[in-house]
Amino acid sequence: MAQIIAMAADEKYDGIELRFVQGEDSLWKLPVFSGAELASTKRTLADHALTISCLDTSCRFDSPDGTERQRWMTEGERMAELAAELGAPGLRIFGDTIHSGADRASTQGWIADSVRTLAGIAKSVGVEVWIENHGDFVTAEQTAAILAQAGCPNTGVVWDPANSYTAAQEHPSEGAAQLGTAIRHVHIKDVQRHKDGWKYVPSGEGEFPLLELKSALEQLDYDRFLSFEWEKKWHPEIADPEIALPHFARWFRKSCAYA
């Protein structure tokens, strides 16, 4: 965590979205996020004027097995408590996949019911539940349908427009129009099409319409975080974060005219 904070501070990031630390995604298990070490972590973040912009979970509520969904609910509750401790406004979850033998309507129902339940738990500690467009629910329309069925105000979307762009050719202007004020947090990355699929590339060197994304968010008066995503864990061939994070910070300030 000390390394993460130091890099964010050196490159003048405003916040940190947490997913894996020390190879662990159940962050509540780590000493750095409990007891005296948690208090020290919070002080260090404050000393560097850094916000935890979003606390990411691996929770997904797509299984036909209710016991499996409950296992993720327990994980979500523990992570919501940590999010509250860290001052994170939202908890990221997934939908995510239509399993063999299931259909879209049933899967959407399980996800929506789980979102509703977890949002009620998270509300008690002052945290929202944000679902990321991903997997078999990658488009803005599919994501919005889950929230509509969940029907509770303590929810929103972690919008990853590159996910829907590469999977469904959905442009940022289309996604933004569909999701509107449900957007609570935005992932930003650049991608390039290769013969064996889409690949991460340094910001500004790919095909994703980043400036269209900027324009779409401006039209929504979006004033929350843009979170640079660099999935080295799943794509070991891409550049190290020590290269990618400084590159993004420089590119963003120059190309998007932000100080």
C-alpha atoms as a PDB file:
ATOM      1  CA  MET A   1       0.000   0.000   0.000  1.00  0.00           C
ATOM      2  CA  ALA A   2       2.892   2.333   0.713  1.00  0.00           C
ATOM      3  CA  GLN A   3       4.148   1.813  -2.858  1.00  0.00           C
ATOM      4  CA  ILE A   4       0.685   2.536  -4.285  1.00  0.00           C
ATOM      5  CA  ILE A   5       0.333   5.734  -2.285  1.00  0.00           C
ATOM      6  CA  ALA A   6       3.836   6.912  -3.204  1.00  0.00           C
ATOM      7  CA  MET A   7       3.271   6.418  -6.927  1.00  0.00           C
ATOM      8  CA  ALA A   8      -0.120   8.165  -6.843  1.00  0.00           C
ATOM      9  CA  ALA A   9       1.325  11.108  -4.934  1.00  0.00           C
ATOM     10  CA  ASP A  10       4.414  11.409  -7.155  1.00  0.00           C
ATOM     11  CA  GLU A  11       2.269  11.575 -10.304  1.00  0.00           C
ATOM     12  CA  LYS A  12      -0.237  13.966  -8.685  1.00  0.00           C
ATOM     13  CA  TYR A  13      -3.231  11.680  -8.897  1.00  0.00           C
ATOM     14  CA  ASP A  14      -6.219  12.789  -6.812  1.00  0.00           C
ATOM     15  CA  GLY A  15      -7.323   9.339  -5.760  1.00  0.00           C
ATOM     16  CA  ILE A  16      -6.827   5.600  -5.828  1.00  0.00           C
ATOM     17  CA  GLU A  17      -9.250   2.885  -6.877  1.00  0.00           C
ATOM     18  CA  LEU A  18      -8.359  -0.260  -4.943  1.00  0.00           C
ATOM     19  CA  ARG A  19      -8.739  -3.789  -6.315  1.00  0.00           C
ATOM     20  CA  PHE A  20      -5.742  -5.989  -5.516  1.00  0.00           C
ATOM     21  CA  VAL A  21      -3.127  -5.241  -2.865  1.00  0.00           C
ATOM     22  CA  GLN A  22      -0.367  -7.791  -2.243  1.00  0.00           C
ATOM     23  CA  GLY A  23      -2.212 -10.145  -4.608  1.00  0.00           C
ATOM     24  CA  GLU A  24      -5.342 -10.115  -2.433  1.00  0.00           C
ATOM     25  CA  ASP A  25      -8.753  -8.822  -3.550  1.00  0.00           C
ATOM     26  CA  SER A  26     -10.535  -9.525  -0.243  1.00  0.00           C
ATOM     27  CA  LEU A  27      -8.813  -6.462   1.146  1.00  0.00           C
ATOM     28  CA  TRP A  28     -10.430  -6.769   4.585  1.00  0.00           C
ATOM     29  CA  LYS A  29      -8.145  -9.789   5.166  1.00  0.00           C
ATOM     30  CA  LEU A  30      -4.958  -7.693   5.009  1.00  0.00           C
ATOM     31  CA  PRO A  31      -3.345  -6.251   8.165  1.00  0.00           C
ATOM     32  CA  VAL A  32      -2.852  -2.901   6.396  1.00  0.00           C
ATOM     33  CA  PHE A  33      -6.654  -2.532   6.375  1.00  0.00           C
ATOM     34  CA  SER A  34      -7.400  -3.449   9.970  1.00  0.00           C
ATOM     35  CA  GLY A  35      -6.717  -2.169  13.451  1.00  0.00           C
ATOM     36  CA  ALA A  36      -3.752   0.127  14.040  1.00  0.00           C
ATOM     37  CA  GLU A  37      -2.430  -0.407  10.510  1.00  0.00           C
ATOM     38  CA  LEU A  38      -5.730   0.772   9.031  1.00  0.00           C
ATOM     39  CA  ALA A  39      -5.495   3.961  11.073  1.00  0.00           C
ATOM     40  CA  SER A  40      -1.952   4.466   9.757  1.00  0.00           C
ATOM     41  CA  THR A  41      -3.091   3.841   6.168  1.00  0.00           C
ATOM     42  CA  LYS A  42      -5.824   6.454   6.526  1.00  0.00           C
ATOM     43  CA  ARG A  43      -3.373   9.002   7.960  1.00  0.00           C
ATOM     44  CA  THR A  44      -0.925   8.435   5.101  1.00  0.00           C
ATOM     45  CA  LEU A  45      -3.674   8.877   2.509  1.00  0.00           C
ATOM     46  CA  ALA A  46      -4.772  12.099   4.188  1.00  0.00           C
ATOM     47  CA  ASP A  47      -1.200  13.377   4.414  1.00  0.00           C
ATOM     48  CA  HIS A  48      -0.926  12.984   0.624  1.00  0.00           C
ATOM     49  CA  ALA A  49      -4.402  14.420  -0.046  1.00  0.00           C
ATOM     50  CA  LEU A  50      -5.480  11.157  -1.678  1.00  0.00           C
ATOM     51  CA  THR A  51      -9.043   9.841  -1.799  1.00  0.00           C
ATOM     52  CA  ILE A  52     -10.106   6.241  -2.166  1.00  0.00           C
ATOM     53  CA  SER A  53     -12.339   6.860  -5.163  1.00  0.00           C
ATOM     54  CA  CYS A  54     -13.878   3.381  -5.306  1.00  0.00           C
ATOM     55  CA  LEU A  55     -13.375   0.074  -3.507  1.00  0.00           C
ATOM     56  CA  ASP A  56     -13.491  -2.801  -5.975  1.00  0.00           C
ATOM     57  CA  THR A  57     -14.807  -6.234  -5.138  1.00  0.00           C
ATOM     58  CA  SER A  58     -14.879  -9.421  -7.180  1.00  0.00           C
ATOM     59  CA  CYS A  59     -18.517  -9.917  -6.151  1.00  0.00           C
ATOM     60  CA  ARG A  60     -20.755 -11.265  -8.883  1.00  0.00           C
ATOM     61  CA  PHE A  61     -24.339 -12.378  -8.420  1.00  0.00           C
ATOM     62  CA  ASP A  62     -24.979 -14.387 -11.565  1.00  0.00           C
ATOM     63  CA  SER A  63     -24.952 -17.927 -10.189  1.00  0.00           C
ATOM     64  CA  PRO A  64     -28.128 -20.034 -10.241  1.00  0.00           C
ATOM     65  CA  ASP A  65     -26.903 -21.343  -6.874  1.00  0.00           C
ATOM     66  CA  GLY A  66     -28.297 -19.203  -4.070  1.00  0.00           C
ATOM     67  CA  THR A  67     -25.564 -20.403  -1.695  1.00  0.00           C
ATOM     68  CA  GLU A  68     -22.932 -19.048  -4.082  1.00  0.00           C
ATOM     69  CA  ARG A  69     -24.717 -15.710  -4.330  1.00  0.00           C
ATOM     70  CA  GLN A  70     -24.882 -15.544  -0.542  1.00  0.00           C
ATOM     71  CA  ARG A  71     -21.137 -16.188  -0.321  1.00  0.00           C
ATOM     72  CA  TRP A  72     -20.568 -13.102  -2.446  1.00  0.00           C
ATOM     73  CA  MET A  73     -23.102 -11.168  -0.378  1.00  0.00           C
ATOM     74  CA  THR A  74     -21.046 -11.854   2.749  1.00  0.00           C
ATOM     75  CA  GLU A  75     -17.932 -10.679   0.920  1.00  0.00           C
ATOM     76  CA  GLY A  76     -19.751  -7.542  -0.221  1.00  0.00           C
ATOM     77  CA  GLU A  77     -20.831  -6.725   3.316  1.00  0.00           C
ATOM     78  CA  ARG A  78     -17.270  -7.005   4.621  1.00  0.00           C
ATOM     79  CA  MET A  79     -15.966  -4.851   1.793  1.00  0.00           C
ATOM     80  CA  ALA A  80     -18.702  -2.255   2.371  1.00  0.00           C
ATOM     81  CA  GLU A  81     -17.538  -1.915   5.962  1.00  0.00           C
ATOM     82  CA  LEU A  82     -13.969  -1.359   4.764  1.00  0.00           C
ATOM     83  CA  ALA A  83     -15.139   1.141   2.148  1.00  0.00           C
ATOM     84  CA  ALA A  84     -16.831   3.126   4.895  1.00  0.00           C
ATOM     85  CA  GLU A  85     -13.660   3.074   6.987  1.00  0.00           C
ATOM     86  CA  LEU A  86     -11.628   4.360   4.035  1.00  0.00           C
ATOM     87  CA  GLY A  87     -14.172   7.005   3.076  1.00  0.00           C
ATOM     88  CA  ALA A  88     -14.817   5.419  -0.327  1.00  0.00           C
ATOM     89  CA  PRO A  89     -18.217   6.491  -1.678  1.00  0.00           C
ATOM     90  CA  GLY A  90     -18.892   3.325  -3.637  1.00  0.00           C
ATOM     91  CA  LEU A  91     -18.373  -0.412  -3.818  1.00  0.00           C
ATOM     92  CA  ARG A  92     -17.830  -1.940  -7.275  1.00  0.00           C
ATOM     93  CA  ILE A  93     -19.542  -5.248  -8.110  1.00  0.00           C
ATOM     94  CA  PHE A  94     -20.157  -7.233 -11.298  1.00  0.00           C
ATOM     95  CA  GLY A  95     -23.243  -8.836 -12.881  1.00  0.00           C
ATOM     96  CA  ASP A  96     -21.801 -10.854 -14.789  1.00  0.00           C
ATOM     97  CA  THR A  97     -22.261 -14.086 -16.818  1.00  0.00           C
ATOM     98  CA  ILE A  98     -25.253 -16.060 -18.028  1.00  0.00           C
ATOM     99  CA  HIS A  99     -24.422 -19.587 -16.892  1.00  0.00           C
ATOM    100  CA  SER A 100     -25.116 -22.732 -18.871  1.00  0.00           C
ATOM    101  CA  GLY A 101     -28.746 -23.747 -18.350  1.00  0.00           C
ATOM    102  CA  ALA A 102     -29.792 -20.236 -17.266  1.00  0.00           C
ATOM    103  CA  ASP A 103     -31.319 -17.455 -19.322  1.00  0.00           C
ATOM    104  CA  ARG A 104     -30.889 -13.686 -19.387  1.00  0.00           C
ATOM    105  CA  ALA A 105     -34.124 -12.852 -17.603  1.00  0.00           C
ATOM    106  CA  SER A 106     -33.453 -15.192 -14.668  1.00  0.00           C
ATOM    107  CA  THR A 107     -29.843 -14.101 -14.368  1.00  0.00           C
ATOM    108  CA  GLN A 108     -30.816 -10.443 -14.450  1.00  0.00           C
ATOM    109  CA  GLY A 109     -33.333 -11.124 -11.712  1.00  0.00           C
ATOM    110  CA  TRP A 110     -30.746 -12.762  -9.443  1.00  0.00           C
ATOM    111  CA  ILE A 111     -28.360  -9.889  -9.992  1.00  0.00           C
ATOM    112  CA  ALA A 112     -31.013  -7.231  -9.388  1.00  0.00           C
ATOM    113  CA  ASP A 113     -32.228  -8.918  -6.198  1.00  0.00           C
ATOM    114  CA  SER A 114     -28.659  -9.151  -4.910  1.00  0.00           C
ATOM    115  CA  VAL A 115     -27.908  -5.527  -5.806  1.00  0.00           C
ATOM    116  CA  ARG A 116     -31.005  -4.471  -3.878  1.00  0.00           C
ATOM    117  CA  THR A 117     -30.002  -6.474  -0.812  1.00  0.00           C
ATOM    118  CA  LEU A 118     -26.371  -5.366  -0.807  1.00  0.00           C
ATOM    119  CA  ALA A 119     -27.350  -1.740  -1.400  1.00  0.00           C
ATOM    120  CA  GLY A 120     -29.516  -1.883   1.706  1.00  0.00           C
ATOM    121  CA  ILE A 121     -26.617  -3.243   3.751  1.00  0.00           C
ATOM    122  CA  ALA A 122     -24.156  -0.712   2.312  1.00  0.00           C
ATOM    123  CA  LYS A 123     -26.533   2.202   2.890  1.00  0.00           C
ATOM    124  CA  SER A 124     -26.354   1.571   6.638  1.00  0.00           C
ATOM    125  CA  VAL A 125     -22.619   2.456   6.539  1.00  0.00           C
ATOM    126  CA  GLY A 126     -22.935   5.316   4.036  1.00  0.00           C
ATOM    127  CA  VAL A 127     -21.670   3.504   0.932  1.00  0.00           C
ATOM    128  CA  GLU A 128     -23.325   3.041  -2.474  1.00  0.00           C
ATOM    129  CA  VAL A 129     -23.248  -0.120  -4.624  1.00  0.00           C
ATOM    130  CA  TRP A 130     -21.947   0.458  -8.153  1.00  0.00           C
ATOM    131  CA  ILE A 131     -22.275  -2.209 -10.832  1.00  0.00           C
ATOM    132  CA  GLU A 132     -19.730  -2.296 -13.647  1.00  0.00           C
ATOM    133  CA  ASN A 133     -20.825  -2.979 -17.222  1.00  0.00           C
ATOM    134  CA  HIS A 134     -19.077  -6.252 -17.872  1.00  0.00           C
ATOM    135  CA  GLY A 135     -19.405  -9.796 -19.186  1.00  0.00           C
ATOM    136  CA  ASP A 136     -22.833 -10.692 -20.556  1.00  0.00           C
ATOM    137  CA  PHE A 137     -24.202  -7.368 -19.279  1.00  0.00           C
ATOM    138  CA  VAL A 138     -21.628  -5.151 -20.936  1.00  0.00           C
ATOM    139  CA  THR A 139     -23.797  -2.625 -22.772  1.00  0.00           C
ATOM    140  CA  ALA A 140     -25.251   0.468 -21.173  1.00  0.00           C
ATOM    141  CA  GLU A 141     -28.782  -0.773 -21.869  1.00  0.00           C
ATOM    142  CA  GLN A 142     -28.134  -4.135 -20.175  1.00  0.00           C
ATOM    143  CA  THR A 143     -26.533  -2.459 -17.157  1.00  0.00           C
ATOM    144  CA  ALA A 144     -29.320   0.108 -16.828  1.00  0.00           C
ATOM    145  CA  ALA A 145     -31.900  -2.695 -16.933  1.00  0.00           C
ATOM    146  CA  ILE A 146     -30.354  -4.308 -13.839  1.00  0.00           C
ATOM    147  CA  LEU A 147     -30.527  -1.048 -11.894  1.00  0.00           C
ATOM    148  CA  ALA A 148     -34.091  -0.429 -13.023  1.00  0.00           C
ATOM    149  CA  GLN A 149     -35.145  -3.870 -11.811  1.00  0.00           C
ATOM    150  CA  ALA A 150     -33.246  -3.438  -8.525  1.00  0.00           C
ATOM    151  CA  GLY A 151     -35.203  -0.232  -8.042  1.00  0.00           C
ATOM    152  CA  CYS A 152     -33.236   1.317  -5.191  1.00  0.00           C
ATOM    153  CA  PRO A 153     -31.558   4.738  -5.012  1.00  0.00           C
ATOM    154  CA  ASN A 154     -28.332   3.682  -3.282  1.00  0.00           C
ATOM    155  CA  THR A 155     -26.886   2.331  -6.521  1.00  0.00           C
ATOM    156  CA  GLY A 156     -25.042   3.477  -9.616  1.00  0.00           C
ATOM    157  CA  VAL A 157     -22.685   2.395 -12.379  1.00  0.00           C
ATOM    158  CA  VAL A 158     -18.942   2.022 -12.695  1.00  0.00           C
ATOM    159  CA  TRP A 159     -18.929   2.794 -16.394  1.00  0.00           C
ATOM    160  CA  ASP A 160     -16.187   1.208 -18.465  1.00  0.00           C
ATOM    161  CA  PRO A 161     -16.942   2.521 -21.964  1.00  0.00           C
ATOM    162  CA  ALA A 162     -14.012   0.633 -23.473  1.00  0.00           C
ATOM    163  CA  ASN A 163     -15.634  -2.631 -22.362  1.00  0.00           C
ATOM    164  CA  SER A 164     -18.809  -1.897 -24.313  1.00  0.00           C
ATOM    165  CA  TYR A 165     -16.858  -0.387 -27.221  1.00  0.00           C
ATOM    166  CA  THR A 166     -14.747  -3.509 -27.759  1.00  0.00           C
ATOM    167  CA  ALA A 167     -17.495  -6.023 -26.998  1.00  0.00           C
ATOM    168  CA  ALA A 168     -20.515  -4.383 -28.641  1.00  0.00           C
ATOM    169  CA  GLN A 169     -19.229  -1.430 -30.713  1.00  0.00           C
ATOM    170  CA  GLU A 170     -21.065   0.937 -28.369  1.00  0.00           C
ATOM    171  CA  HIS A 171     -19.649   4.452 -28.549  1.00  0.00           C
ATOM    172  CA  PRO A 172     -19.208   6.648 -25.455  1.00  0.00           C
ATOM    173  CA  SER A 173     -21.896   9.081 -26.606  1.00  0.00           C
ATOM    174  CA  GLU A 174     -24.398   6.214 -26.812  1.00  0.00           C
ATOM    175  CA  GLY A 175     -23.477   4.764 -23.429  1.00  0.00           C
ATOM    176  CA  ALA A 176     -23.535   8.142 -21.703  1.00  0.00           C
ATOM    177  CA  ALA A 177     -26.968   8.940 -23.127  1.00  0.00           C
ATOM    178  CA  GLN A 178     -28.326   5.618 -21.849  1.00  0.00           C
ATOM    179  CA  LEU A 179     -26.793   5.710 -18.357  1.00  0.00           C
ATOM    180  CA  GLY A 180     -26.924   9.438 -17.649  1.00  0.00           C
ATOM    181  CA  THR A 181     -26.757  10.385 -13.985  1.00  0.00           C
ATOM    182  CA  ALA A 182     -26.457   6.731 -12.932  1.00  0.00           C
ATOM    183  CA  ILE A 183     -22.744   7.029 -13.775  1.00  0.00           C
ATOM    184  CA  ARG A 184     -20.844   7.280 -10.506  1.00  0.00           C
ATOM    185  CA  HIS A 185     -17.313   6.354 -11.585  1.00  0.00           C
ATOM    186  CA  VAL A 186     -15.606   6.002 -14.970  1.00  0.00           C
ATOM    187  CA  HIS A 187     -12.814   3.695 -16.087  1.00  0.00           C
ATOM    188  CA  ILE A 188     -10.590   5.124 -18.788  1.00  0.00           C
ATOM    189  CA  LYS A 189      -8.129   3.203 -20.954  1.00  0.00           C
ATOM    190  CA  ASP A 190      -7.019   2.946 -24.564  1.00  0.00           C
ATOM    191  CA  VAL A 191      -7.110  -0.143 -26.749  1.00  0.00           C
ATOM    192  CA  GLN A 192      -5.911  -1.239 -30.174  1.00  0.00           C
ATOM    193  CA  ARG A 193      -7.401  -3.969 -32.340  1.00  0.00           C
ATOM    194  CA  HIS A 194      -5.050  -6.840 -33.177  1.00  0.00           C
ATOM    195  CA  LYS A 195      -5.642  -9.989 -35.187  1.00  0.00           C
ATOM    196  CA  ASP A 196      -6.221 -11.963 -31.978  1.00  0.00           C
ATOM    197  CA  GLY A 197      -8.390  -9.343 -30.262  1.00  0.00           C
ATOM    198  CA  TRP A 198      -8.162  -6.003 -28.511  1.00  0.00           C
ATOM    199  CA  LYS A 199      -5.010  -5.078 -26.598  1.00  0.00           C
ATOM    200  CA  TYR A 200      -4.244  -2.405 -24.031  1.00  0.00           C
ATOM    201  CA  VAL A 201      -1.976   0.353 -25.350  1.00  0.00           C
ATOM    202  CA  PRO A 202      -0.632   3.587 -23.837  1.00  0.00           C
ATOM    203  CA  SER A 203      -3.230   6.339 -23.648  1.00  0.00           C
ATOM    204  CA  GLY A 204      -3.597   8.202 -26.937  1.00  0.00           C
ATOM    205  CA  GLU A 205      -2.006   5.448 -29.029  1.00  0.00           C
ATOM    206  CA  GLY A 206      -5.081   3.287 -29.640  1.00  0.00           C
ATOM    207  CA  GLU A 207      -8.472   3.353 -31.318  1.00  0.00           C
ATOM    208  CA  PHE A 208     -10.767   4.100 -28.399  1.00  0.00           C
ATOM    209  CA  PRO A 209     -12.430   7.532 -28.883  1.00  0.00           C
ATOM    210  CA  LEU A 210     -11.112   9.126 -25.697  1.00  0.00           C
ATOM    211  CA  LEU A 211     -12.017  12.677 -26.697  1.00  0.00           C
ATOM    212  CA  GLU A 212     -15.563  11.560 -27.512  1.00  0.00           C
ATOM    213  CA  LEU A 213     -15.706  10.190 -23.968  1.00  0.00           C
ATOM    214  CA  LYS A 214     -14.566  13.553 -22.606  1.00  0.00           C
ATOM    215  CA  SER A 215     -17.246  15.354 -24.603  1.00  0.00           C
ATOM    216  CA  ALA A 216     -19.971  12.922 -23.494  1.00  0.00           C
ATOM    217  CA  LEU A 217     -19.081  13.387 -19.837  1.00  0.00           C
ATOM    218  CA  GLU A 218     -18.976  17.150 -20.189  1.00  0.00           C
ATOM    219  CA  GLN A 219     -22.512  17.084 -21.593  1.00  0.00           C
ATOM    220  CA  LEU A 220     -23.597  15.204 -18.470  1.00  0.00           C
ATOM    221  CA  ASP A 221     -21.776  17.708 -16.219  1.00  0.00           C
ATOM    222  CA  TYR A 222     -19.979  14.692 -14.784  1.00  0.00           C
ATOM    223  CA  ASP A 223     -17.811  15.804 -11.853  1.00  0.00           C
ATOM    224  CA  ARG A 224     -16.604  12.564 -10.305  1.00  0.00           C
ATOM    225  CA  PHE A 225     -13.491  10.456 -10.839  1.00  0.00           C
ATOM    226  CA  LEU A 226     -11.991   9.230 -14.079  1.00  0.00           C
ATOM    227  CA  SER A 227      -9.991   6.182 -13.089  1.00  0.00           C
ATOM    228  CA  PHE A 228      -7.108   5.016 -15.271  1.00  0.00           C
ATOM    229  CA  GLU A 229      -7.287   1.235 -15.567  1.00  0.00           C
ATOM    230  CA  TRP A 230      -4.220  -0.824 -16.439  1.00  0.00           C
ATOM    231  CA  GLU A 231      -4.851  -4.549 -16.006  1.00  0.00           C
ATOM    232  CA  LYS A 232      -1.319  -5.856 -15.747  1.00  0.00           C
ATOM    233  CA  LYS A 233      -2.527  -8.773 -13.601  1.00  0.00           C
ATOM    234  CA  TRP A 234      -4.575 -10.207 -16.472  1.00  0.00           C
ATOM    235  CA  HIS A 235      -2.373  -8.930 -19.304  1.00  0.00           C
ATOM    236  CA  PRO A 236       1.244  -9.548 -18.259  1.00  0.00           C
ATOM    237  CA  GLU A 237       2.528  -8.571 -21.703  1.00  0.00           C
ATOM    238  CA  ILE A 238       1.628  -4.882 -21.286  1.00  0.00           C
ATOM    239  CA  ALA A 239       3.967  -2.270 -19.827  1.00  0.00           C
ATOM    240  CA  ASP A 240       4.629  -2.147 -16.112  1.00  0.00           C
ATOM    241  CA  PRO A 241       2.510   0.278 -14.061  1.00  0.00           C
ATOM    242  CA  GLU A 242       5.658   2.268 -13.263  1.00  0.00           C
ATOM    243  CA  ILE A 243       5.593   3.228 -16.957  1.00  0.00           C
ATOM    244  CA  ALA A 244       1.856   3.321 -17.680  1.00  0.00           C
ATOM    245  CA  LEU A 245       0.680   5.417 -14.715  1.00  0.00           C
ATOM    246  CA  PRO A 246       3.066   8.344 -15.292  1.00  0.00           C
ATOM    247  CA  HIS A 247       2.365   8.203 -19.038  1.00  0.00           C
ATOM    248  CA  PHE A 248      -1.378   8.453 -18.478  1.00  0.00           C
ATOM    249  CA  ALA A 249      -1.048  11.375 -16.057  1.00  0.00           C
ATOM    250  CA  ARG A 250       1.042  13.345 -18.561  1.00  0.00           C
ATOM    251  CA  TRP A 251      -1.177  12.442 -21.527  1.00  0.00           C
ATOM    252  CA  PHE A 252      -4.377  13.281 -19.696  1.00  0.00           C
ATOM    253  CA  ARG A 253      -3.248  16.717 -18.521  1.00  0.00           C
ATOM    254  CA  LYS A 254      -1.976  17.611 -21.979  1.00  0.00           C
ATOM    255  CA  SER A 255      -4.683  16.096 -24.193  1.00  0.00           C
ATOM    256  CA  CYS A 256      -7.731  16.711 -22.037  1.00  0.00           C
ATOM    257  CA  ALA A 257      -6.669  20.199 -20.911  1.00  0.00           C
ATOM    258  CA  TYR A 258      -6.987  19.475 -17.202  1.00  0.00           C
ATOM    259  CA  ALA A 259      -4.559  20.926 -14.689  1.00  0.00           C
END
